[in-house]
Amino acid sequence: AEAARGRLEDAVEPPGPLVLTLVEQR
């Protein structure tokens, strides 16, 4: 949003998907 307003030169890459282990999913 700041980059779209011209306040930042470039936006960083979006975070990757959240990856959960099988134990975490359970």
mmCIF file of all heavy atoms, coordinates in Angstrom:
data_MODEL
# 
_entry.id   MODEL 
# 
loop_
_atom_site.group_PDB 
_atom_site.id 
_atom_site.type_symbol 
_atom_site.label_atom_id 
_atom_site.label_alt_id 
_atom_site.label_comp_id 
_atom_site.label_asym_id 
_atom_site.label_entity_id 
_atom_site.label_seq_id 
_atom_site.pdbx_PDB_ins_code 
_atom_site.Cartn_x 
_atom_site.Cartn_y 
_atom_site.Cartn_z 
_atom_site.occupancy 
_atom_site.B_iso_or_equiv 
_atom_site.pdbx_formal_charge 
_atom_site.auth_seq_id 
_atom_site.auth_comp_id 
_atom_site.auth_asym_id 
_atom_site.auth_atom_id 
_atom_site.pdbx_PDB_model_num 
ATOM 1   N N   . ALA A 1 1  ? 0.836  -1.213  0.000  1.00 0.00 ? 1  ALA A N   1 
ATOM 2   C CA  . ALA A 1 1  ? 0.000  0.000   0.000  1.00 0.00 ? 1  ALA A CA  1 
ATOM 3   C C   . ALA A 1 1  ? 0.866  1.256   0.000  1.00 0.00 ? 1  ALA A C   1 
ATOM 4   O O   . ALA A 1 1  ? 0.559  2.224   -0.713 1.00 0.00 ? 1  ALA A O   1 
ATOM 5   C CB  . ALA A 1 1  ? -0.927 -0.008  1.212  1.00 0.00 ? 1  ALA A CB  1 
ATOM 6   N N   . GLU A 1 2  ? 1.947  1.260   0.765  1.00 0.00 ? 2  GLU A N   1 
ATOM 7   C CA  . GLU A 1 2  ? 2.851  2.410   0.795  1.00 0.00 ? 2  GLU A CA  1 
ATOM 8   C C   . GLU A 1 2  ? 3.531  2.600   -0.557 1.00 0.00 ? 2  GLU A C   1 
ATOM 9   O O   . GLU A 1 2  ? 3.716  3.727   -1.009 1.00 0.00 ? 2  GLU A O   1 
ATOM 10  C CB  . GLU A 1 2  ? 3.893  2.241   1.905  1.00 0.00 ? 2  GLU A CB  1 
ATOM 11  C CG  . GLU A 1 2  ? 3.320  2.327   3.310  1.00 0.00 ? 2  GLU A CG  1 
ATOM 12  C CD  . GLU A 1 2  ? 2.720  3.683   3.616  1.00 0.00 ? 2  GLU A CD  1 
ATOM 13  O OE1 . GLU A 1 2  ? 3.345  4.711   3.309  1.00 0.00 ? 2  GLU A OE1 1 
ATOM 14  O OE2 . GLU A 1 2  ? 1.607  3.712   4.178  1.00 0.00 ? 2  GLU A OE2 1 
ATOM 15  N N   . ALA A 1 3  ? 3.898  1.512   -1.206 1.00 0.00 ? 3  ALA A N   1 
ATOM 16  C CA  . ALA A 1 3  ? 4.522  1.605   -2.535 1.00 0.00 ? 3  ALA A CA  1 
ATOM 17  C C   . ALA A 1 3  ? 3.524  2.172   -3.544 1.00 0.00 ? 3  ALA A C   1 
ATOM 18  O O   . ALA A 1 3  ? 3.888  2.975   -4.405 1.00 0.00 ? 3  ALA A O   1 
ATOM 19  C CB  . ALA A 1 3  ? 5.023  0.236   -2.982 1.00 0.00 ? 3  ALA A CB  1 
ATOM 20  N N   . ALA A 1 4  ? 2.258  1.782   -3.429 1.00 0.00 ? 4  ALA A N   1 
ATOM 21  C CA  . ALA A 1 4  ? 1.229  2.291   -4.337 1.00 0.00 ? 4  ALA A CA  1 
ATOM 22  C C   . ALA A 1 4  ? 1.020  3.793   -4.144 1.00 0.00 ? 4  ALA A C   1 
ATOM 23  O O   . ALA A 1 4  ? 0.686  4.502   -5.093 1.00 0.00 ? 4  ALA A O   1 
ATOM 24  C CB  . ALA A 1 4  ? -0.080 1.541   -4.114 1.00 0.00 ? 4  ALA A CB  1 
ATOM 25  N N   . ARG A 1 5  ? 1.248  4.282   -2.945 1.00 0.00 ? 5  ARG A N   1 
ATOM 26  C CA  . ARG A 1 5  ? 1.108  5.715   -2.663 1.00 0.00 ? 5  ARG A CA  1 
ATOM 27  C C   . ARG A 1 5  ? 2.381  6.486   -3.002 1.00 0.00 ? 5  ARG A C   1 
ATOM 28  O O   . ARG A 1 5  ? 2.428  7.702   -2.839 1.00 0.00 ? 5  ARG A O   1 
ATOM 29  C CB  . ARG A 1 5  ? 0.778  5.918   -1.188 1.00 0.00 ? 5  ARG A CB  1 
ATOM 30  C CG  . ARG A 1 5  ? -0.585 5.444   -0.782 1.00 0.00 ? 5  ARG A CG  1 
ATOM 31  C CD  . ARG A 1 5  ? -0.845 5.810   0.672  1.00 0.00 ? 5  ARG A CD  1 
ATOM 32  N NE  . ARG A 1 5  ? -2.002 5.107   1.154  1.00 0.00 ? 5  ARG A NE  1 
ATOM 33  C CZ  . ARG A 1 5  ? -1.990 4.090   2.011  1.00 0.00 ? 5  ARG A CZ  1 
ATOM 34  N NH1 . ARG A 1 5  ? -0.857 3.669   2.529  1.00 0.00 ? 5  ARG A NH1 1 
ATOM 35  N NH2 . ARG A 1 5  ? -3.105 3.505   2.390  1.00 0.00 ? 5  ARG A NH2 1 
ATOM 36  N N   . GLY A 1 6  ? 3.407  5.761   -3.408 1.00 0.00 ? 6  GLY A N   1 
ATOM 37  C CA  . GLY A 1 6  ? 4.660  6.417   -3.761 1.00 0.00 ? 6  GLY A CA  1 
ATOM 38  C C   . GLY A 1 6  ? 5.561  6.718   -2.580 1.00 0.00 ? 6  GLY A C   1 
ATOM 39  O O   . GLY A 1 6  ? 6.542  7.429   -2.716 1.00 0.00 ? 6  GLY A O   1 
ATOM 40  N N   . ARG A 1 7  ? 5.232  6.185   -1.435 1.00 0.00 ? 7  ARG A N   1 
ATOM 41  C CA  . ARG A 1 7  ? 6.040  6.459   -0.250 1.00 0.00 ? 7  ARG A CA  1 
ATOM 42  C C   . ARG A 1 7  ? 7.229  5.505   -0.129 1.00 0.00 ? 7  ARG A C   1 
ATOM 43  O O   . ARG A 1 7  ? 8.171  5.793   0.583  1.00 0.00 ? 7  ARG A O   1 
ATOM 44  C CB  . ARG A 1 7  ? 5.179  6.361   0.997  1.00 0.00 ? 7  ARG A CB  1 
ATOM 45  C CG  . ARG A 1 7  ? 4.115  7.443   1.049  1.00 0.00 ? 7  ARG A CG  1 
ATOM 46  C CD  . ARG A 1 7  ? 3.315  7.356   2.314  1.00 0.00 ? 7  ARG A CD  1 
ATOM 47  N NE  . ARG A 1 7  ? 2.220  8.309   2.275  1.00 0.00 ? 7  ARG A NE  1 
ATOM 48  C CZ  . ARG A 1 7  ? 1.180  8.259   3.070  1.00 0.00 ? 7  ARG A CZ  1 
ATOM 49  N NH1 . ARG A 1 7  ? 1.087  7.311   3.973  1.00 0.00 ? 7  ARG A NH1 1 
ATOM 50  N NH2 . ARG A 1 7  ? 0.220  9.162   2.981  1.00 0.00 ? 7  ARG A NH2 1 
ATOM 51  N N   . LEU A 1 8  ? 7.134  4.370   -0.768 1.00 0.00 ? 8  LEU A N   1 
ATOM 52  C CA  . LEU A 1 8  ? 8.247  3.422   -0.805 1.00 0.00 ? 8  LEU A CA  1 
ATOM 53  C C   . LEU A 1 8  ? 8.573  3.152   -2.259 1.00 0.00 ? 8  LEU A C   1 
ATOM 54  O O   . LEU A 1 8  ? 7.698  3.190   -3.121 1.00 0.00 ? 8  LEU A O   1 
ATOM 55  C CB  . LEU A 1 8  ? 7.867  2.094   -0.133 1.00 0.00 ? 8  LEU A CB  1 
ATOM 56  C CG  . LEU A 1 8  ? 7.750  2.075   1.380  1.00 0.00 ? 8  LEU A CG  1 
ATOM 57  C CD1 . LEU A 1 8  ? 7.273  0.708   1.852  1.00 0.00 ? 8  LEU A CD1 1 
ATOM 58  C CD2 . LEU A 1 8  ? 9.063  2.413   2.047  1.00 0.00 ? 8  LEU A CD2 1 
ATOM 59  N N   . GLU A 1 9  ? 9.821  2.876   -2.523 1.00 0.00 ? 9  GLU A N   1 
ATOM 60  C CA  . GLU A 1 9  ? 10.206 2.625   -3.907 1.00 0.00 ? 9  GLU A CA  1 
ATOM 61  C C   . GLU A 1 9  ? 9.659  1.309   -4.433 1.00 0.00 ? 9  GLU A C   1 
ATOM 62  O O   . GLU A 1 9  ? 9.225  1.218   -5.555 1.00 0.00 ? 9  GLU A O   1 
ATOM 63  C CB  . GLU A 1 9  ? 11.731 2.643   -4.039 1.00 0.00 ? 9  GLU A CB  1 
ATOM 64  C CG  . GLU A 1 9  ? 12.310 4.031   -3.894 1.00 0.00 ? 9  GLU A CG  1 
ATOM 65  C CD  . GLU A 1 9  ? 13.797 4.009   -4.120 1.00 0.00 ? 9  GLU A CD  1 
ATOM 66  O OE1 . GLU A 1 9  ? 14.302 3.089   -4.767 1.00 0.00 ? 9  GLU A OE1 1 
ATOM 67  O OE2 . GLU A 1 9  ? 14.457 4.934   -3.629 1.00 0.00 ? 9  GLU A OE2 1 
ATOM 68  N N   . ASP A 1 10 ? 9.716  0.281   -3.616 1.00 0.00 ? 10 ASP A N   1 
ATOM 69  C CA  . ASP A 1 10 ? 9.294  -1.027  -4.093 1.00 0.00 ? 10 ASP A CA  1 
ATOM 70  C C   . ASP A 1 10 ? 8.771  -1.850  -2.919 1.00 0.00 ? 10 ASP A C   1 
ATOM 71  O O   . ASP A 1 10 ? 9.319  -1.780  -1.822 1.00 0.00 ? 10 ASP A O   1 
ATOM 72  C CB  . ASP A 1 10 ? 10.469 -1.748  -4.758 1.00 0.00 ? 10 ASP A CB  1 
ATOM 73  C CG  . ASP A 1 10 ? 10.036 -2.960  -5.558 1.00 0.00 ? 10 ASP A CG  1 
ATOM 74  O OD1 . ASP A 1 10 ? 8.841  -3.064  -5.869 1.00 0.00 ? 10 ASP A OD1 1 
ATOM 75  O OD2 . ASP A 1 10 ? 10.900 -3.790  -5.863 1.00 0.00 ? 10 ASP A OD2 1 
ATOM 76  N N   . ALA A 1 11 ? 7.740  -2.608  -3.180 1.00 0.00 ? 11 ALA A N   1 
ATOM 77  C CA  . ALA A 1 11 ? 7.215  -3.505  -2.153 1.00 0.00 ? 11 ALA A CA  1 
ATOM 78  C C   . ALA A 1 11 ? 8.007  -4.808  -2.172 1.00 0.00 ? 11 ALA A C   1 
ATOM 79  O O   . ALA A 1 11 ? 8.459  -5.260  -3.219 1.00 0.00 ? 11 ALA A O   1 
ATOM 80  C CB  . ALA A 1 11 ? 5.735  -3.784  -2.421 1.00 0.00 ? 11 ALA A CB  1 
ATOM 81  N N   . VAL A 1 12 ? 8.197  -5.370  -1.018 1.00 0.00 ? 12 VAL A N   1 
ATOM 82  C CA  . VAL A 1 12 ? 8.899  -6.650  -0.931 1.00 0.00 ? 12 VAL A CA  1 
ATOM 83  C C   . VAL A 1 12 ? 8.003  -7.766  -1.450 1.00 0.00 ? 12 VAL A C   1 
ATOM 84  O O   . VAL A 1 12 ? 6.795  -7.590  -1.630 1.00 0.00 ? 12 VAL A O   1 
ATOM 85  C CB  . VAL A 1 12 ? 9.328  -6.947  0.526  1.00 0.00 ? 12 VAL A CB  1 
ATOM 86  C CG1 . VAL A 1 12 ? 10.323 -5.930  1.013  1.00 0.00 ? 12 VAL A CG1 1 
ATOM 87  C CG2 . VAL A 1 12 ? 8.127  -7.006  1.437  1.00 0.00 ? 12 VAL A CG2 1 
ATOM 88  N N   . GLU A 1 13 ? 8.596  -8.911  -1.685 1.00 0.00 ? 13 GLU A N   1 
ATOM 89  C CA  . GLU A 1 13 ? 7.825  -10.061 -2.156 1.00 0.00 ? 13 GLU A CA  1 
ATOM 90  C C   . GLU A 1 13 ? 6.850  -10.514 -1.072 1.00 0.00 ? 13 GLU A C   1 
ATOM 91  O O   . GLU A 1 13 ? 7.155  -10.435 0.118  1.00 0.00 ? 13 GLU A O   1 
ATOM 92  C CB  . GLU A 1 13 ? 8.768  -11.209 -2.509 1.00 0.00 ? 13 GLU A CB  1 
ATOM 93  C CG  . GLU A 1 13 ? 9.610  -10.952 -3.728 1.00 0.00 ? 13 GLU A CG  1 
ATOM 94  C CD  . GLU A 1 13 ? 8.776  -10.860 -4.994 1.00 0.00 ? 13 GLU A CD  1 
ATOM 95  O OE1 . GLU A 1 13 ? 7.866  -11.689 -5.168 1.00 0.00 ? 13 GLU A OE1 1 
ATOM 96  O OE2 . GLU A 1 13 ? 9.018  -9.939  -5.797 1.00 0.00 ? 13 GLU A OE2 1 
ATOM 97  N N   . PRO A 1 14 ? 5.691  -11.020 -1.477 1.00 0.00 ? 14 PRO A N   1 
ATOM 98  C CA  . PRO A 1 14 ? 4.742  -11.511 -0.475 1.00 0.00 ? 14 PRO A CA  1 
ATOM 99  C C   . PRO A 1 14 ? 5.301  -12.762 0.209  1.00 0.00 ? 14 PRO A C   1 
ATOM 100 O O   . PRO A 1 14 ? 6.114  -13.475 -0.375 1.00 0.00 ? 14 PRO A O   1 
ATOM 101 C CB  . PRO A 1 14 ? 3.493  -11.852 -1.300 1.00 0.00 ? 14 PRO A CB  1 
ATOM 102 C CG  . PRO A 1 14 ? 3.987  -12.069 -2.674 1.00 0.00 ? 14 PRO A CG  1 
ATOM 103 C CD  . PRO A 1 14 ? 5.192  -11.189 -2.831 1.00 0.00 ? 14 PRO A CD  1 
ATOM 104 N N   . PRO A 1 15 ? 4.861  -13.003 1.435  1.00 0.00 ? 15 PRO A N   1 
ATOM 105 C CA  . PRO A 1 15 ? 5.332  -14.207 2.114  1.00 0.00 ? 15 PRO A CA  1 
ATOM 106 C C   . PRO A 1 15 ? 4.795  -15.452 1.402  1.00 0.00 ? 15 PRO A C   1 
ATOM 107 O O   . PRO A 1 15 ? 3.732  -15.416 0.788  1.00 0.00 ? 15 PRO A O   1 
ATOM 108 C CB  . PRO A 1 15 ? 4.754  -14.082 3.526  1.00 0.00 ? 15 PRO A CB  1 
ATOM 109 C CG  . PRO A 1 15 ? 3.589  -13.175 3.381  1.00 0.00 ? 15 PRO A CG  1 
ATOM 110 C CD  . PRO A 1 15 ? 3.918  -12.252 2.241  1.00 0.00 ? 15 PRO A CD  1 
ATOM 111 N N   . GLY A 1 16 ? 5.530  -16.518 1.496  1.00 0.00 ? 16 GLY A N   1 
ATOM 112 C CA  . GLY A 1 16 ? 5.084  -17.772 0.901  1.00 0.00 ? 16 GLY A CA  1 
ATOM 113 C C   . GLY A 1 16 ? 3.920  -18.339 1.687  1.00 0.00 ? 16 GLY A C   1 
ATOM 114 O O   . GLY A 1 16 ? 3.535  -17.818 2.741  1.00 0.00 ? 16 GLY A O   1 
ATOM 115 N N   . PRO A 1 17 ? 3.356  -19.410 1.188  1.00 0.00 ? 17 PRO A N   1 
ATOM 116 C CA  . PRO A 1 17 ? 2.233  -20.025 1.901  1.00 0.00 ? 17 PRO A CA  1 
ATOM 117 C C   . PRO A 1 17 ? 2.688  -20.603 3.245  1.00 0.00 ? 17 PRO A C   1 
ATOM 118 O O   . PRO A 1 17 ? 3.854  -20.977 3.409  1.00 0.00 ? 17 PRO A O   1 
ATOM 119 C CB  . PRO A 1 17 ? 1.768  -21.129 0.953  1.00 0.00 ? 17 PRO A CB  1 
ATOM 120 C CG  . PRO A 1 17 ? 2.939  -21.427 0.089  1.00 0.00 ? 17 PRO A CG  1 
ATOM 121 C CD  . PRO A 1 17 ? 3.717  -20.149 -0.022 1.00 0.00 ? 17 PRO A CD  1 
ATOM 122 N N   . LEU A 1 18 ? 1.788  -20.634 4.173  1.00 0.00 ? 18 LEU A N   1 
ATOM 123 C CA  . LEU A 1 18 ? 2.067  -21.219 5.480  1.00 0.00 ? 18 LEU A CA  1 
ATOM 124 C C   . LEU A 1 18 ? 2.112  -22.734 5.315  1.00 0.00 ? 18 LEU A C   1 
ATOM 125 O O   . LEU A 1 18 ? 1.158  -23.346 4.836  1.00 0.00 ? 18 LEU A O   1 
ATOM 126 C CB  . LEU A 1 18 ? 0.985  -20.826 6.479  1.00 0.00 ? 18 LEU A CB  1 
ATOM 127 C CG  . LEU A 1 18 ? 1.089  -21.427 7.871  1.00 0.00 ? 18 LEU A CG  1 
ATOM 128 C CD1 . LEU A 1 18 ? 2.365  -20.931 8.560  1.00 0.00 ? 18 LEU A CD1 1 
ATOM 129 C CD2 . LEU A 1 18 ? -0.123 -21.051 8.692  1.00 0.00 ? 18 LEU A CD2 1 
ATOM 130 N N   . VAL A 1 19 ? 3.215  -23.327 5.693  1.00 0.00 ? 19 VAL A N   1 
ATOM 131 C CA  . VAL A 1 19 ? 3.374  -24.779 5.582  1.00 0.00 ? 19 VAL A CA  1 
ATOM 132 C C   . VAL A 1 19 ? 3.410  -25.359 6.986  1.00 0.00 ? 19 VAL A C   1 
ATOM 133 O O   . VAL A 1 19 ? 4.264  -24.987 7.797  1.00 0.00 ? 19 VAL A O   1 
ATOM 134 C CB  . VAL A 1 19 ? 4.672  -25.135 4.827  1.00 0.00 ? 19 VAL A CB  1 
ATOM 135 C CG1 . VAL A 1 19 ? 4.859  -26.639 4.753  1.00 0.00 ? 19 VAL A CG1 1 
ATOM 136 C CG2 . VAL A 1 19 ? 4.656  -24.522 3.432  1.00 0.00 ? 19 VAL A CG2 1 
ATOM 137 N N   . LEU A 1 20 ? 2.456  -26.241 7.263  1.00 0.00 ? 20 LEU A N   1 
ATOM 138 C CA  . LEU A 1 20 ? 2.379  -26.880 8.574  1.00 0.00 ? 20 LEU A CA  1 
ATOM 139 C C   . LEU A 1 20 ? 2.757  -28.346 8.450  1.00 0.00 ? 20 LEU A C   1 
ATOM 140 O O   . LEU A 1 20 ? 2.415  -29.002 7.467  1.00 0.00 ? 20 LEU A O   1 
ATOM 141 C CB  . LEU A 1 20 ? 0.959  -26.771 9.138  1.00 0.00 ? 20 LEU A CB  1 
ATOM 142 C CG  . LEU A 1 20 ? 0.407  -25.376 9.366  1.00 0.00 ? 20 LEU A CG  1 
ATOM 143 C CD1 . LEU A 1 20 ? -1.039 -25.446 9.830  1.00 0.00 ? 20 LEU A CD1 1 
ATOM 144 C CD2 . LEU A 1 20 ? 1.244  -24.617 10.378 1.00 0.00 ? 20 LEU A CD2 1 
ATOM 145 N N   . THR A 1 21 ? 3.422  -28.848 9.469  1.00 0.00 ? 21 THR A N   1 
ATOM 146 C CA  . THR A 1 21 ? 3.731  -30.270 9.505  1.00 0.00 ? 21 THR A CA  1 
ATOM 147 C C   . THR A 1 21 ? 2.447  -31.042 9.806  1.00 0.00 ? 21 THR A C   1 
ATOM 148 O O   . THR A 1 21 ? 1.435  -30.452 10.223 1.00 0.00 ? 21 THR A O   1 
ATOM 149 C CB  . THR A 1 21 ? 4.770  -30.587 10.596 1.00 0.00 ? 21 THR A CB  1 
ATOM 150 O OG1 . THR A 1 21 ? 4.180  -30.312 11.877 1.00 0.00 ? 21 THR A OG1 1 
ATOM 151 C CG2 . THR A 1 21 ? 6.036  -29.770 10.420 1.00 0.00 ? 21 THR A CG2 1 
ATOM 152 N N   . LEU A 1 22 ? 2.495  -32.349 9.648  1.00 0.00 ? 22 LEU A N   1 
ATOM 153 C CA  . LEU A 1 22 ? 1.333  -33.180 9.951  1.00 0.00 ? 22 LEU A CA  1 
ATOM 154 C C   . LEU A 1 22 ? 0.960  -33.049 11.423 1.00 0.00 ? 22 LEU A C   1 
ATOM 155 O O   . LEU A 1 22 ? -0.226 -32.956 11.769 1.00 0.00 ? 22 LEU A O   1 
ATOM 156 C CB  . LEU A 1 22 ? 1.612  -34.644 9.586  1.00 0.00 ? 22 LEU A CB  1 
ATOM 157 C CG  . LEU A 1 22 ? 0.462  -35.618 9.759  1.00 0.00 ? 22 LEU A CG  1 
ATOM 158 C CD1 . LEU A 1 22 ? -0.757 -35.198 8.940  1.00 0.00 ? 22 LEU A CD1 1 
ATOM 159 C CD2 . LEU A 1 22 ? 0.902  -37.026 9.390  1.00 0.00 ? 22 LEU A CD2 1 
ATOM 160 N N   . VAL A 1 23 ? 1.955  -32.999 12.281 1.00 0.00 ? 23 VAL A N   1 
ATOM 161 C CA  . VAL A 1 23 ? 1.701  -32.841 13.714 1.00 0.00 ? 23 VAL A CA  1 
ATOM 162 C C   . VAL A 1 23 ? 1.012  -31.502 13.983 1.00 0.00 ? 23 VAL A C   1 
ATOM 163 O O   . VAL A 1 23 ? 0.051  -31.434 14.765 1.00 0.00 ? 23 VAL A O   1 
ATOM 164 C CB  . VAL A 1 23 ? 3.022  -32.955 14.515 1.00 0.00 ? 23 VAL A CB  1 
ATOM 165 C CG1 . VAL A 1 23 ? 2.829  -32.573 15.971 1.00 0.00 ? 23 VAL A CG1 1 
ATOM 166 C CG2 . VAL A 1 23 ? 3.595  -34.359 14.387 1.00 0.00 ? 23 VAL A CG2 1 
ATOM 167 N N   . GLU A 1 24 ? 1.466  -30.443 13.335 1.00 0.00 ? 24 GLU A N   1 
ATOM 168 C CA  . GLU A 1 24 ? 0.848  -29.128 13.508 1.00 0.00 ? 24 GLU A CA  1 
ATOM 169 C C   . GLU A 1 24 ? -0.577 -29.113 12.959 1.00 0.00 ? 24 GLU A C   1 
ATOM 170 O O   . GLU A 1 24 ? -1.474 -28.507 13.562 1.00 0.00 ? 24 GLU A O   1 
ATOM 171 C CB  . GLU A 1 24 ? 1.692  -28.060 12.824 1.00 0.00 ? 24 GLU A CB  1 
ATOM 172 C CG  . GLU A 1 24 ? 3.018  -27.806 13.508 1.00 0.00 ? 24 GLU A CG  1 
ATOM 173 C CD  . GLU A 1 24 ? 3.962  -26.943 12.702 1.00 0.00 ? 24 GLU A CD  1 
ATOM 174 O OE1 . GLU A 1 24 ? 3.873  -26.940 11.453 1.00 0.00 ? 24 GLU A OE1 1 
ATOM 175 O OE2 . GLU A 1 24 ? 4.809  -26.272 13.317 1.00 0.00 ? 24 GLU A OE2 1 
ATOM 176 N N   . GLN A 1 25 ? -0.800 -29.769 11.835 1.00 0.00 ? 25 GLN A N   1 
ATOM 177 C CA  . GLN A 1 25 ? -2.150 -29.834 11.278 1.00 0.00 ? 25 GLN A CA  1 
ATOM 178 C C   . GLN A 1 25 ? -3.088 -30.574 12.230 1.00 0.00 ? 25 GLN A C   1 
ATOM 179 O O   . GLN A 1 25 ? -4.229 -30.160 12.426 1.00 0.00 ? 25 GLN A O   1 
ATOM 180 C CB  . GLN A 1 25 ? -2.142 -30.518 9.916  1.00 0.00 ? 25 GLN A CB  1 
ATOM 181 C CG  . GLN A 1 25 ? -1.536 -29.680 8.828  1.00 0.00 ? 25 GLN A CG  1 
ATOM 182 C CD  . GLN A 1 25 ? -1.475 -30.410 7.506  1.00 0.00 ? 25 GLN A CD  1 
ATOM 183 O OE1 . GLN A 1 25 ? -1.340 -31.630 7.451  1.00 0.00 ? 25 GLN A OE1 1 
ATOM 184 N NE2 . GLN A 1 25 ? -1.572 -29.661 6.425  1.00 0.00 ? 25 GLN A NE2 1 
ATOM 185 N N   . ARG A 1 26 ? -2.604 -31.639 12.815 1.00 0.00 ? 26 ARG A N   1 
ATOM 186 C CA  . ARG A 1 26 ? -3.429 -32.389 13.772 1.00 0.00 ? 26 ARG A CA  1 
ATOM 187 C C   . ARG A 1 26 ? -3.709 -31.561 15.023 1.00 0.00 ? 26 ARG A C   1 
ATOM 188 O O   . ARG A 1 26 ? -4.786 -31.639 15.601 1.00 0.00 ? 26 ARG A O   1 
ATOM 189 C CB  . ARG A 1 26 ? -2.767 -33.716 14.109 1.00 0.00 ? 26 ARG A CB  1 
ATOM 190 C CG  . ARG A 1 26 ? -2.849 -34.684 12.951 1.00 0.00 ? 26 ARG A CG  1 
ATOM 191 C CD  . ARG A 1 26 ? -2.302 -36.034 13.288 1.00 0.00 ? 26 ARG A CD  1 
ATOM 192 N NE  . ARG A 1 26 ? -2.533 -36.941 12.156 1.00 0.00 ? 26 ARG A NE  1 
ATOM 193 C CZ  . ARG A 1 26 ? -1.764 -37.964 11.875 1.00 0.00 ? 26 ARG A CZ  1 
ATOM 194 N NH1 . ARG A 1 26 ? -0.724 -38.254 12.632 1.00 0.00 ? 26 ARG A NH1 1 
ATOM 195 N NH2 . ARG A 1 26 ? -2.037 -38.738 10.838 1.00 0.00 ? 26 ARG A NH2 1 
# 
